[in-house]
Amino acid sequence: MKRIAWIGGVVLLFAGSASATTTTFNGTAGADTMLVGRGYDGGGNLIYLACVNGSWAEGNLVTGSSDTVTTNGNGGIDTITVRSSSGIYDCGVGGGKWLHSMNYVYSCPNVYVNGGTGNDRIIGAQCAEHLNGDDGNDTIFGNAGNDWIYAGADNDCISDTTLTFLSCGSGTDSYTDDLAWKDCENQVGYCLLPP
């Protein structure tokens, strides 16, 4: 079953059944600020919840680690953050709500973040996220979790201490797993050597 809803200029695609669910949060063609996590709807159901440009956007039900949550910045200079803690968050319109981390109650779902065109800032959390900068001079912070990072085209900066996969893309890219910046292409050659 699939349904599409418009909320504050954001298209939400809901799919799934009582088992795994899929939620997609989309930004606009302009500059977006998006924070994605888990929260409760009016009926007390645990759902995927996002603050998108000062408005709350509700996703599908949280059922467990087989769920998929995708956040697309689309065009513009976007800041996309995966929630890493729990607490009241004031989104603006609609006021404050409890916004929990992406692994609240259930284990982490499949998390995909796509920056789109523009110089984006992407901030991961404790899940093993797939973070895709796409075009533009992006800054990507994987933080905790064994992340999959795809920097995309142009000159990107990537920071992550626990990677599963790193693709620098075209351009002059920099990578750090501590406080010392390294050439990303050389780091990929090192990281992807077989054990």
N, C-alpha and C. Protein backbone atom coordinates (compact mmCIF):
# COMPACT_ATOMS: atom_id res chain seq x y z
N MET A 1 0.84 -1.18 0.00
CA MET A 1 0.00 0.00 0.00
C MET A 1 0.88 1.24 0.00
N LYS A 2 0.57 2.23 -0.85
CA LYS A 2 1.32 3.48 -0.89
C LYS A 2 0.36 4.64 -0.85
N ARG A 3 0.79 5.73 -0.19
CA ARG A 3 0.02 6.94 -0.25
C ARG A 3 0.97 8.12 -0.23
N ILE A 4 0.55 9.22 -0.83
CA ILE A 4 1.38 10.41 -0.92
C ILE A 4 0.64 11.56 -0.26
N ALA A 5 1.35 12.36 0.52
CA ALA A 5 0.74 13.51 1.16
C ALA A 5 1.65 14.72 0.99
N TRP A 6 1.03 15.90 0.91
CA TRP A 6 1.77 17.17 0.87
C TRP A 6 1.66 17.80 2.26
N ILE A 7 2.78 18.10 2.88
CA ILE A 7 2.78 18.77 4.17
C ILE A 7 3.77 19.92 4.11
N GLY A 8 3.26 21.13 4.16
CA GLY A 8 4.14 22.30 4.15
C GLY A 8 5.07 22.34 2.96
N GLY A 9 4.59 21.93 1.79
CA GLY A 9 5.42 21.94 0.59
C GLY A 9 6.35 20.76 0.49
N VAL A 10 6.22 19.80 1.39
CA VAL A 10 7.08 18.62 1.40
C VAL A 10 6.26 17.42 0.98
N VAL A 11 6.78 16.66 0.03
CA VAL A 11 6.09 15.45 -0.41
C VAL A 11 6.52 14.29 0.47
N LEU A 12 5.55 13.58 1.02
CA LEU A 12 5.83 12.40 1.82
C LEU A 12 5.27 11.19 1.12
N LEU A 13 6.07 10.18 0.97
CA LEU A 13 5.62 8.91 0.39
C LEU A 13 5.63 7.88 1.49
N PHE A 14 4.47 7.29 1.73
CA PHE A 14 4.37 6.24 2.74
C PHE A 14 4.11 4.93 2.03
N ALA A 15 4.79 3.91 2.42
CA ALA A 15 4.57 2.59 1.83
C ALA A 15 4.79 1.54 2.89
N GLY A 16 4.24 0.37 2.66
CA GLY A 16 4.52 -0.73 3.56
C GLY A 16 3.27 -1.36 4.12
N SER A 17 3.46 -2.21 5.08
CA SER A 17 2.36 -2.93 5.71
C SER A 17 2.63 -2.95 7.20
N ALA A 18 2.06 -3.92 7.90
CA ALA A 18 2.28 -4.04 9.33
C ALA A 18 3.72 -4.45 9.63
N SER A 19 4.43 -4.93 8.62
CA SER A 19 5.82 -5.29 8.84
C SER A 19 6.69 -4.07 8.54
N ALA A 20 7.67 -4.19 7.68
CA ALA A 20 8.59 -3.09 7.40
C ALA A 20 7.86 -1.94 6.70
N THR A 21 8.27 -0.71 7.02
CA THR A 21 7.68 0.47 6.41
C THR A 21 8.75 1.28 5.69
N THR A 22 8.29 2.15 4.80
CA THR A 22 9.18 3.04 4.07
C THR A 22 8.65 4.47 4.18
N THR A 23 9.52 5.40 4.53
CA THR A 23 9.15 6.81 4.60
C THR A 23 10.19 7.62 3.85
N THR A 24 9.72 8.59 3.07
CA THR A 24 10.62 9.51 2.37
C THR A 24 10.23 10.94 2.70
N PHE A 25 11.21 11.71 3.17
CA PHE A 25 11.03 13.15 3.41
C PHE A 25 11.78 13.90 2.31
N ASN A 26 11.09 14.82 1.64
CA ASN A 26 11.71 15.59 0.56
C ASN A 26 11.78 17.06 0.90
N GLY A 27 12.93 17.66 0.61
CA GLY A 27 13.08 19.10 0.73
C GLY A 27 12.58 19.80 -0.52
N THR A 28 12.96 21.04 -0.67
CA THR A 28 12.52 21.85 -1.81
C THR A 28 13.71 22.07 -2.75
N ALA A 29 13.48 22.87 -3.79
CA ALA A 29 14.56 23.22 -4.70
C ALA A 29 15.48 24.28 -4.11
N GLY A 30 15.06 24.89 -2.98
CA GLY A 30 15.86 25.91 -2.33
C GLY A 30 16.64 25.36 -1.16
N ALA A 31 17.11 26.25 -0.30
CA ALA A 31 17.88 25.86 0.88
C ALA A 31 16.95 25.29 1.95
N ASP A 32 17.26 24.08 2.41
CA ASP A 32 16.41 23.40 3.39
C ASP A 32 17.19 23.10 4.66
N THR A 33 16.46 23.10 5.77
CA THR A 33 16.98 22.62 7.05
C THR A 33 16.08 21.48 7.49
N MET A 34 16.66 20.28 7.63
CA MET A 34 15.87 19.09 7.90
C MET A 34 16.51 18.30 9.05
N LEU A 35 15.69 17.93 10.03
CA LEU A 35 16.13 17.10 11.15
C LEU A 35 15.20 15.91 11.23
N VAL A 36 15.76 14.70 11.16
CA VAL A 36 14.96 13.48 11.03
C VAL A 36 15.21 12.57 12.23
N GLY A 37 14.13 12.04 12.80
CA GLY A 37 14.24 11.10 13.91
C GLY A 37 12.96 10.32 14.09
N ARG A 38 12.65 10.00 15.34
CA ARG A 38 11.43 9.27 15.68
C ARG A 38 10.63 10.06 16.71
N GLY A 39 9.31 10.00 16.60
CA GLY A 39 8.45 10.69 17.55
C GLY A 39 7.08 10.03 17.56
N TYR A 40 6.12 10.70 18.15
CA TYR A 40 4.78 10.14 18.29
C TYR A 40 3.76 10.99 17.55
N ASP A 41 2.79 10.32 16.91
CA ASP A 41 1.70 11.05 16.28
C ASP A 41 0.61 11.32 17.32
N GLY A 42 -0.49 11.92 16.88
CA GLY A 42 -1.57 12.27 17.81
C GLY A 42 -2.23 11.07 18.45
N GLY A 43 -2.09 9.89 17.85
CA GLY A 43 -2.67 8.68 18.41
C GLY A 43 -1.74 7.91 19.30
N GLY A 44 -0.55 8.47 19.57
CA GLY A 44 0.41 7.80 20.43
C GLY A 44 1.22 6.72 19.74
N ASN A 45 1.21 6.70 18.40
CA ASN A 45 1.99 5.72 17.63
C ASN A 45 3.40 6.25 17.40
N LEU A 46 4.39 5.39 17.56
CA LEU A 46 5.77 5.77 17.28
C LEU A 46 5.97 5.80 15.77
N ILE A 47 6.36 6.96 15.24
CA ILE A 47 6.50 7.15 13.80
C ILE A 47 7.84 7.79 13.49
N TYR A 48 8.18 7.83 12.21
CA TYR A 48 9.31 8.63 11.75
C TYR A 48 8.82 10.07 11.63
N LEU A 49 9.60 10.99 12.18
CA LEU A 49 9.17 12.37 12.30
C LEU A 49 10.31 13.29 11.89
N ALA A 50 10.00 14.34 11.17
CA ALA A 50 11.03 15.27 10.72
C ALA A 50 10.58 16.71 10.90
N CYS A 51 11.52 17.56 11.23
CA CYS A 51 11.30 19.00 11.19
C CYS A 51 11.89 19.48 9.87
N VAL A 52 11.05 19.97 8.99
CA VAL A 52 11.48 20.39 7.65
C VAL A 52 11.14 21.86 7.48
N ASN A 53 12.16 22.69 7.45
CA ASN A 53 11.99 24.13 7.23
C ASN A 53 10.97 24.75 8.19
N GLY A 54 11.02 24.34 9.45
CA GLY A 54 10.17 24.93 10.47
C GLY A 54 8.78 24.35 10.58
N SER A 55 8.52 23.21 9.93
CA SER A 55 7.22 22.54 10.03
C SER A 55 7.42 21.06 10.27
N TRP A 56 6.54 20.47 11.09
CA TRP A 56 6.62 19.03 11.35
C TRP A 56 6.08 18.25 10.16
N ALA A 57 6.75 17.17 9.82
CA ALA A 57 6.30 16.25 8.77
C ALA A 57 6.30 14.85 9.36
N GLU A 58 5.15 14.19 9.30
CA GLU A 58 5.01 12.85 9.87
C GLU A 58 5.24 11.79 8.82
N GLY A 59 6.01 10.77 9.18
CA GLY A 59 6.26 9.64 8.31
C GLY A 59 5.43 8.44 8.73
N ASN A 60 5.89 7.28 8.35
CA ASN A 60 5.17 6.05 8.60
C ASN A 60 5.52 5.50 9.99
N LEU A 61 4.85 4.41 10.36
CA LEU A 61 5.08 3.77 11.65
C LEU A 61 6.49 3.19 11.75
N VAL A 62 7.05 3.22 12.95
CA VAL A 62 8.31 2.55 13.25
C VAL A 62 8.00 1.10 13.59
N THR A 63 8.58 0.16 12.82
CA THR A 63 8.35 -1.25 13.11
C THR A 63 9.63 -2.00 13.44
N GLY A 64 10.80 -1.46 13.10
CA GLY A 64 12.04 -2.14 13.43
C GLY A 64 13.15 -1.88 12.43
N SER A 65 14.15 -2.74 12.47
CA SER A 65 15.37 -2.52 11.69
C SER A 65 15.19 -2.73 10.19
N SER A 66 14.08 -3.31 9.75
CA SER A 66 13.85 -3.50 8.32
C SER A 66 13.19 -2.28 7.66
N ASP A 67 12.81 -1.28 8.47
CA ASP A 67 12.24 -0.05 7.90
C ASP A 67 13.30 0.69 7.09
N THR A 68 12.83 1.54 6.19
CA THR A 68 13.72 2.39 5.40
C THR A 68 13.25 3.83 5.50
N VAL A 69 14.18 4.73 5.82
CA VAL A 69 13.89 6.16 5.92
C VAL A 69 14.86 6.89 4.99
N THR A 70 14.30 7.62 4.03
CA THR A 70 15.11 8.37 3.07
C THR A 70 14.79 9.85 3.20
N THR A 71 15.84 10.66 3.25
CA THR A 71 15.68 12.11 3.30
C THR A 71 16.42 12.71 2.11
N ASN A 72 15.69 13.48 1.27
CA ASN A 72 16.26 14.08 0.07
C ASN A 72 16.27 15.60 0.21
N GLY A 73 17.46 16.18 0.14
CA GLY A 73 17.54 17.64 0.18
C GLY A 73 17.09 18.29 -1.10
N ASN A 74 17.26 17.57 -2.22
CA ASN A 74 16.99 18.11 -3.55
C ASN A 74 17.90 19.30 -3.81
N GLY A 75 17.48 20.35 -4.48
CA GLY A 75 18.39 21.45 -4.82
C GLY A 75 18.64 22.37 -3.65
N GLY A 76 19.56 23.31 -3.83
CA GLY A 76 19.84 24.31 -2.81
C GLY A 76 20.92 23.87 -1.83
N ILE A 77 21.28 24.78 -0.97
CA ILE A 77 22.28 24.51 0.07
C ILE A 77 21.54 24.02 1.31
N ASP A 78 21.60 22.72 1.54
CA ASP A 78 20.78 22.07 2.57
C ASP A 78 21.61 21.66 3.77
N THR A 79 20.97 21.66 4.93
CA THR A 79 21.52 21.06 6.14
C THR A 79 20.57 19.95 6.57
N ILE A 80 21.08 18.72 6.55
CA ILE A 80 20.26 17.55 6.88
C ILE A 80 20.93 16.83 8.04
N THR A 81 20.18 16.66 9.13
CA THR A 81 20.73 16.05 10.34
C THR A 81 19.88 14.84 10.74
N VAL A 82 20.54 13.74 11.02
CA VAL A 82 19.87 12.58 11.61
C VAL A 82 19.96 12.74 13.13
N ARG A 83 18.82 12.69 13.80
CA ARG A 83 18.76 12.95 15.24
C ARG A 83 19.58 11.92 16.02
N SER A 84 20.42 12.40 16.93
CA SER A 84 21.29 11.50 17.70
C SER A 84 20.94 11.45 19.18
N SER A 85 19.94 12.23 19.60
CA SER A 85 19.56 12.24 21.01
C SER A 85 18.05 12.37 21.11
N SER A 86 17.53 12.32 22.32
CA SER A 86 16.09 12.44 22.55
C SER A 86 15.80 13.64 23.42
N GLY A 87 14.73 14.35 23.09
CA GLY A 87 14.34 15.51 23.88
C GLY A 87 13.33 16.35 23.12
N ILE A 88 12.83 17.38 23.78
CA ILE A 88 11.89 18.30 23.14
C ILE A 88 12.64 19.11 22.09
N TYR A 89 12.06 19.19 20.90
CA TYR A 89 12.66 19.99 19.83
C TYR A 89 11.61 20.96 19.31
N ASP A 90 11.95 22.23 19.27
CA ASP A 90 11.03 23.26 18.79
C ASP A 90 11.24 23.44 17.30
N CYS A 91 10.29 22.97 16.52
CA CYS A 91 10.40 23.01 15.07
C CYS A 91 9.91 24.34 14.50
N GLY A 92 9.23 25.13 15.30
CA GLY A 92 8.67 26.37 14.79
C GLY A 92 7.16 26.25 14.71
N VAL A 93 6.61 26.06 13.52
CA VAL A 93 5.17 25.89 13.36
C VAL A 93 4.76 24.60 14.06
N GLY A 94 3.80 24.67 14.92
CA GLY A 94 3.37 23.48 15.67
C GLY A 94 4.10 23.31 16.98
N GLY A 95 5.11 24.15 17.23
CA GLY A 95 5.79 24.15 18.52
C GLY A 95 6.68 22.95 18.76
N GLY A 96 6.99 22.72 20.04
CA GLY A 96 7.91 21.66 20.41
C GLY A 96 7.24 20.30 20.53
N LYS A 97 7.99 19.28 20.14
CA LYS A 97 7.55 17.89 20.29
C LYS A 97 8.76 17.07 20.73
N TRP A 98 8.47 15.90 21.33
CA TRP A 98 9.55 14.97 21.61
C TRP A 98 10.06 14.42 20.28
N LEU A 99 11.34 14.62 20.04
CA LEU A 99 11.98 14.05 18.85
C LEU A 99 13.12 13.17 19.32
N HIS A 100 12.98 11.88 19.07
CA HIS A 100 13.94 10.90 19.57
C HIS A 100 14.97 10.56 18.50
N SER A 101 16.04 9.92 18.94
CA SER A 101 17.07 9.46 18.03
C SER A 101 16.51 8.38 17.09
N MET A 102 17.24 8.12 16.02
CA MET A 102 16.77 7.17 15.02
C MET A 102 16.77 5.73 15.53
N ASN A 103 17.43 5.46 16.66
CA ASN A 103 17.41 4.10 17.21
C ASN A 103 16.62 4.03 18.51
N TYR A 104 15.70 4.97 18.72
CA TYR A 104 14.87 4.99 19.92
C TYR A 104 13.88 3.82 19.90
N VAL A 105 13.80 3.05 20.98
CA VAL A 105 12.94 1.89 21.20
C VAL A 105 13.38 0.70 20.35
N TYR A 106 13.36 0.85 19.03
CA TYR A 106 13.78 -0.23 18.12
C TYR A 106 15.18 0.04 17.61
N SER A 107 15.82 -1.00 17.06
CA SER A 107 17.16 -0.81 16.50
C SER A 107 17.07 0.07 15.25
N CYS A 108 18.22 0.46 14.75
CA CYS A 108 18.30 1.40 13.62
C CYS A 108 17.61 0.84 12.38
N PRO A 109 16.90 1.71 11.63
CA PRO A 109 16.38 1.31 10.33
C PRO A 109 17.44 1.50 9.26
N ASN A 110 17.09 1.28 8.02
CA ASN A 110 17.96 1.62 6.89
C ASN A 110 17.79 3.11 6.64
N VAL A 111 18.87 3.87 6.80
CA VAL A 111 18.80 5.33 6.71
C VAL A 111 19.58 5.79 5.49
N TYR A 112 18.90 6.56 4.63
CA TYR A 112 19.52 7.12 3.43
C TYR A 112 19.33 8.64 3.44
N VAL A 113 20.42 9.38 3.26
CA VAL A 113 20.35 10.84 3.16
C VAL A 113 21.01 11.25 1.85
N ASN A 114 20.28 12.00 1.03
CA ASN A 114 20.78 12.46 -0.27
C ASN A 114 20.74 13.99 -0.30
N GLY A 115 21.91 14.59 -0.42
CA GLY A 115 21.97 16.05 -0.39
C GLY A 115 21.40 16.71 -1.63
N GLY A 116 21.59 16.11 -2.79
CA GLY A 116 21.20 16.75 -4.04
C GLY A 116 22.22 17.81 -4.44
N THR A 117 21.88 18.61 -5.44
CA THR A 117 22.80 19.65 -5.89
C THR A 117 22.91 20.75 -4.84
N GLY A 118 24.04 21.40 -4.80
CA GLY A 118 24.27 22.45 -3.81
C GLY A 118 25.32 22.03 -2.80
N ASN A 119 25.84 23.02 -2.07
CA ASN A 119 26.89 22.78 -1.07
C ASN A 119 26.22 22.40 0.25
N ASP A 120 26.01 21.12 0.44
CA ASP A 120 25.20 20.63 1.55
C ASP A 120 26.04 20.27 2.77
N ARG A 121 25.36 20.27 3.92
CA ARG A 121 25.96 19.83 5.18
C ARG A 121 25.10 18.67 5.68
N ILE A 122 25.70 17.48 5.78
CA ILE A 122 24.99 16.26 6.17
C ILE A 122 25.61 15.73 7.45
N ILE A 123 24.76 15.48 8.45
CA ILE A 123 25.26 15.06 9.76
C ILE A 123 24.56 13.76 10.15
N GLY A 124 25.33 12.69 10.23
CA GLY A 124 24.79 11.39 10.61
C GLY A 124 24.72 11.24 12.12
N ALA A 125 24.26 10.07 12.56
CA ALA A 125 24.12 9.80 13.99
C ALA A 125 24.72 8.43 14.30
N GLN A 126 24.05 7.64 15.16
CA GLN A 126 24.63 6.38 15.61
C GLN A 126 24.27 5.19 14.74
N CYS A 127 23.42 5.36 13.74
CA CYS A 127 23.08 4.26 12.85
C CYS A 127 24.12 4.13 11.74
N ALA A 128 24.09 3.00 11.03
CA ALA A 128 24.95 2.81 9.86
C ALA A 128 24.25 3.42 8.66
N GLU A 129 24.43 4.72 8.50
CA GLU A 129 23.69 5.47 7.48
C GLU A 129 24.39 5.45 6.13
N HIS A 130 23.58 5.62 5.08
CA HIS A 130 24.08 5.84 3.72
C HIS A 130 23.97 7.33 3.46
N LEU A 131 25.09 8.04 3.44
CA LEU A 131 25.13 9.49 3.31
C LEU A 131 25.70 9.86 1.96
N ASN A 132 24.89 10.53 1.14
CA ASN A 132 25.25 10.84 -0.25
C ASN A 132 25.25 12.35 -0.44
N GLY A 133 26.43 12.91 -0.70
CA GLY A 133 26.52 14.35 -0.89
C GLY A 133 25.97 14.83 -2.22
N ASP A 134 26.06 14.00 -3.25
CA ASP A 134 25.69 14.39 -4.61
C ASP A 134 26.57 15.56 -5.07
N ASP A 135 26.09 16.37 -6.01
CA ASP A 135 26.89 17.47 -6.55
C ASP A 135 27.02 18.60 -5.53
N GLY A 136 28.10 19.35 -5.65
CA GLY A 136 28.34 20.48 -4.76
C GLY A 136 29.48 20.20 -3.80
N ASN A 137 29.98 21.28 -3.19
CA ASN A 137 31.06 21.17 -2.20
C ASN A 137 30.45 20.85 -0.84
N ASP A 138 30.31 19.57 -0.57
CA ASP A 138 29.56 19.11 0.60
C ASP A 138 30.47 18.85 1.80
N THR A 139 29.88 18.97 2.98
CA THR A 139 30.55 18.58 4.22
C THR A 139 29.71 17.47 4.86
N ILE A 140 30.32 16.31 5.06
CA ILE A 140 29.60 15.15 5.55
C ILE A 140 30.25 14.65 6.85
N PHE A 141 29.46 14.62 7.91
CA PHE A 141 29.90 14.10 9.20
C PHE A 141 29.15 12.79 9.45
N GLY A 142 29.85 11.67 9.40
CA GLY A 142 29.19 10.39 9.64
C GLY A 142 28.90 10.14 11.11
N ASN A 143 29.81 10.59 11.98
CA ASN A 143 29.72 10.35 13.42
C ASN A 143 29.73 8.85 13.71
N ALA A 144 29.00 8.39 14.72
CA ALA A 144 29.04 6.98 15.09
C ALA A 144 28.29 6.12 14.06
N GLY A 145 28.51 4.83 14.11
CA GLY A 145 27.86 3.92 13.16
C GLY A 145 28.78 3.62 12.00
N ASN A 146 28.68 2.42 11.47
CA ASN A 146 29.53 2.01 10.35
C ASN A 146 28.89 2.48 9.03
N ASP A 147 29.18 3.72 8.68
CA ASP A 147 28.47 4.40 7.60
C ASP A 147 28.98 4.06 6.21
N TRP A 148 28.11 4.30 5.25
CA TRP A 148 28.42 4.24 3.83
C TRP A 148 28.36 5.67 3.32
N ILE A 149 29.51 6.22 2.88
CA ILE A 149 29.55 7.62 2.47
C ILE A 149 29.93 7.72 0.99
N TYR A 150 29.09 8.47 0.27
CA TYR A 150 29.30 8.74 -1.15
C TYR A 150 29.40 10.26 -1.28
N ALA A 151 30.61 10.77 -1.47
CA ALA A 151 30.79 12.22 -1.46
C ALA A 151 30.18 12.88 -2.69
N GLY A 152 30.25 12.23 -3.85
CA GLY A 152 29.71 12.82 -5.07
C GLY A 152 30.71 13.77 -5.71
N ALA A 153 30.23 14.52 -6.70
CA ALA A 153 31.10 15.41 -7.47
C ALA A 153 31.49 16.64 -6.65
N ASP A 154 32.56 17.32 -7.10
CA ASP A 154 33.07 18.56 -6.53
C ASP A 154 33.94 18.31 -5.30
N ASN A 155 34.29 19.37 -4.59
CA ASN A 155 35.30 19.30 -3.53
C ASN A 155 34.62 19.14 -2.17
N ASP A 156 34.74 17.95 -1.61
CA ASP A 156 33.99 17.61 -0.40
C ASP A 156 34.91 17.38 0.79
N CYS A 157 34.33 17.56 1.98
CA CYS A 157 35.02 17.25 3.24
C CYS A 157 34.22 16.18 3.97
N ILE A 158 34.88 15.08 4.32
CA ILE A 158 34.22 13.94 4.95
C ILE A 158 34.89 13.65 6.29
N SER A 159 34.09 13.53 7.34
CA SER A 159 34.60 13.19 8.66
C SER A 159 33.82 12.00 9.20
N ASP A 160 34.52 10.92 9.50
CA ASP A 160 33.86 9.72 10.06
C ASP A 160 34.93 8.83 10.67
N THR A 161 34.63 8.27 11.84
CA THR A 161 35.62 7.42 12.52
C THR A 161 35.39 5.95 12.27
N THR A 162 34.18 5.55 11.85
CA THR A 162 33.87 4.13 11.66
C THR A 162 33.14 3.94 10.34
N LEU A 163 33.88 3.73 9.29
CA LEU A 163 33.30 3.59 7.96
C LEU A 163 33.14 2.13 7.57
N THR A 164 32.08 1.86 6.81
CA THR A 164 31.97 0.59 6.09
C THR A 164 32.44 0.78 4.66
N PHE A 165 32.09 1.94 4.07
CA PHE A 165 32.43 2.21 2.68
C PHE A 165 32.60 3.70 2.48
N LEU A 166 33.60 4.10 1.66
CA LEU A 166 33.82 5.50 1.34
C LEU A 166 34.11 5.64 -0.14
N SER A 167 33.29 6.47 -0.81
CA SER A 167 33.52 6.83 -2.21
C SER A 167 33.72 8.33 -2.27
N CYS A 168 34.92 8.76 -2.68
CA CYS A 168 35.23 10.19 -2.69
C CYS A 168 34.52 10.94 -3.81
N GLY A 169 34.32 10.30 -4.94
CA GLY A 169 33.74 10.98 -6.09
C GLY A 169 34.78 11.85 -6.77
N SER A 170 34.34 12.62 -7.76
CA SER A 170 35.26 13.50 -8.48
C SER A 170 35.53 14.76 -7.67
N GLY A 171 36.59 15.47 -8.03
CA GLY A 171 36.96 16.68 -7.31
C GLY A 171 38.09 16.41 -6.34
N THR A 172 38.50 17.44 -5.64
CA THR A 172 39.55 17.34 -4.64
C THR A 172 38.90 17.22 -3.27
N ASP A 173 38.92 16.01 -2.72
CA ASP A 173 38.18 15.72 -1.50
C ASP A 173 39.13 15.46 -0.34
N SER A 174 38.67 15.80 0.87
CA SER A 174 39.47 15.59 2.08
C SER A 174 38.69 14.71 3.04
N TYR A 175 39.43 13.91 3.79
CA TYR A 175 38.82 12.95 4.74
C TYR A 175 39.59 12.98 6.05
N THR A 176 38.88 12.85 7.15
CA THR A 176 39.54 12.69 8.44
C THR A 176 38.80 11.66 9.28
N ASP A 177 39.59 10.87 10.02
CA ASP A 177 39.01 9.97 11.02
C ASP A 177 39.47 10.39 12.42
N ASP A 178 40.13 11.53 12.48
CA ASP A 178 40.54 12.12 13.77
C ASP A 178 40.53 13.63 13.59
N LEU A 179 41.65 14.29 13.73
CA LEU A 179 41.72 15.73 13.49
C LEU A 179 42.70 16.09 12.39
N ALA A 180 43.29 15.08 11.75
CA ALA A 180 44.26 15.32 10.68
C ALA A 180 43.60 15.04 9.33
N TRP A 181 43.57 16.05 8.46
CA TRP A 181 42.95 15.87 7.15
C TRP A 181 43.88 15.12 6.21
N LYS A 182 43.29 14.22 5.43
CA LYS A 182 44.03 13.40 4.49
C LYS A 182 43.40 13.53 3.11
N ASP A 183 44.15 13.14 2.11
CA ASP A 183 43.59 13.09 0.76
C ASP A 183 42.61 11.92 0.69
N CYS A 184 41.40 12.19 0.32
CA CYS A 184 40.35 11.16 0.36
C CYS A 184 40.66 10.00 -0.57
N GLU A 185 41.12 10.31 -1.78
CA GLU A 185 41.38 9.25 -2.75
C GLU A 185 42.44 8.27 -2.24
N ASN A 186 43.47 8.78 -1.58
CA ASN A 186 44.49 7.91 -1.00
C ASN A 186 43.92 7.09 0.14
N GLN A 187 43.03 7.69 0.92
CA GLN A 187 42.42 6.97 2.05
C GLN A 187 41.55 5.83 1.56
N VAL A 188 40.82 6.05 0.46
CA VAL A 188 39.98 4.99 -0.10
C VAL A 188 40.86 3.82 -0.54
N GLY A 189 41.97 4.14 -1.19
CA GLY A 189 42.88 3.07 -1.60
C GLY A 189 43.37 2.25 -0.43
N TYR A 190 43.55 2.92 0.71
CA TYR A 190 44.00 2.22 1.91
C TYR A 190 42.87 1.42 2.54
N CYS A 191 41.68 2.06 2.65
CA CYS A 191 40.57 1.43 3.37
C CYS A 191 40.03 0.20 2.65
N LEU A 192 40.07 0.20 1.34
CA LEU A 192 39.41 -0.85 0.58
C LEU A 192 40.35 -2.02 0.25
N LEU A 193 41.55 -2.03 0.83
CA LEU A 193 42.41 -3.20 0.63
C LEU A 193 41.76 -4.40 1.29
N PRO A 194 41.82 -5.57 0.66
CA PRO A 194 41.22 -6.75 1.29
C PRO A 194 41.95 -7.12 2.56
N PRO A 195 41.25 -7.74 3.52
CA PRO A 195 41.90 -8.11 4.80
C PRO A 195 42.93 -9.22 4.59
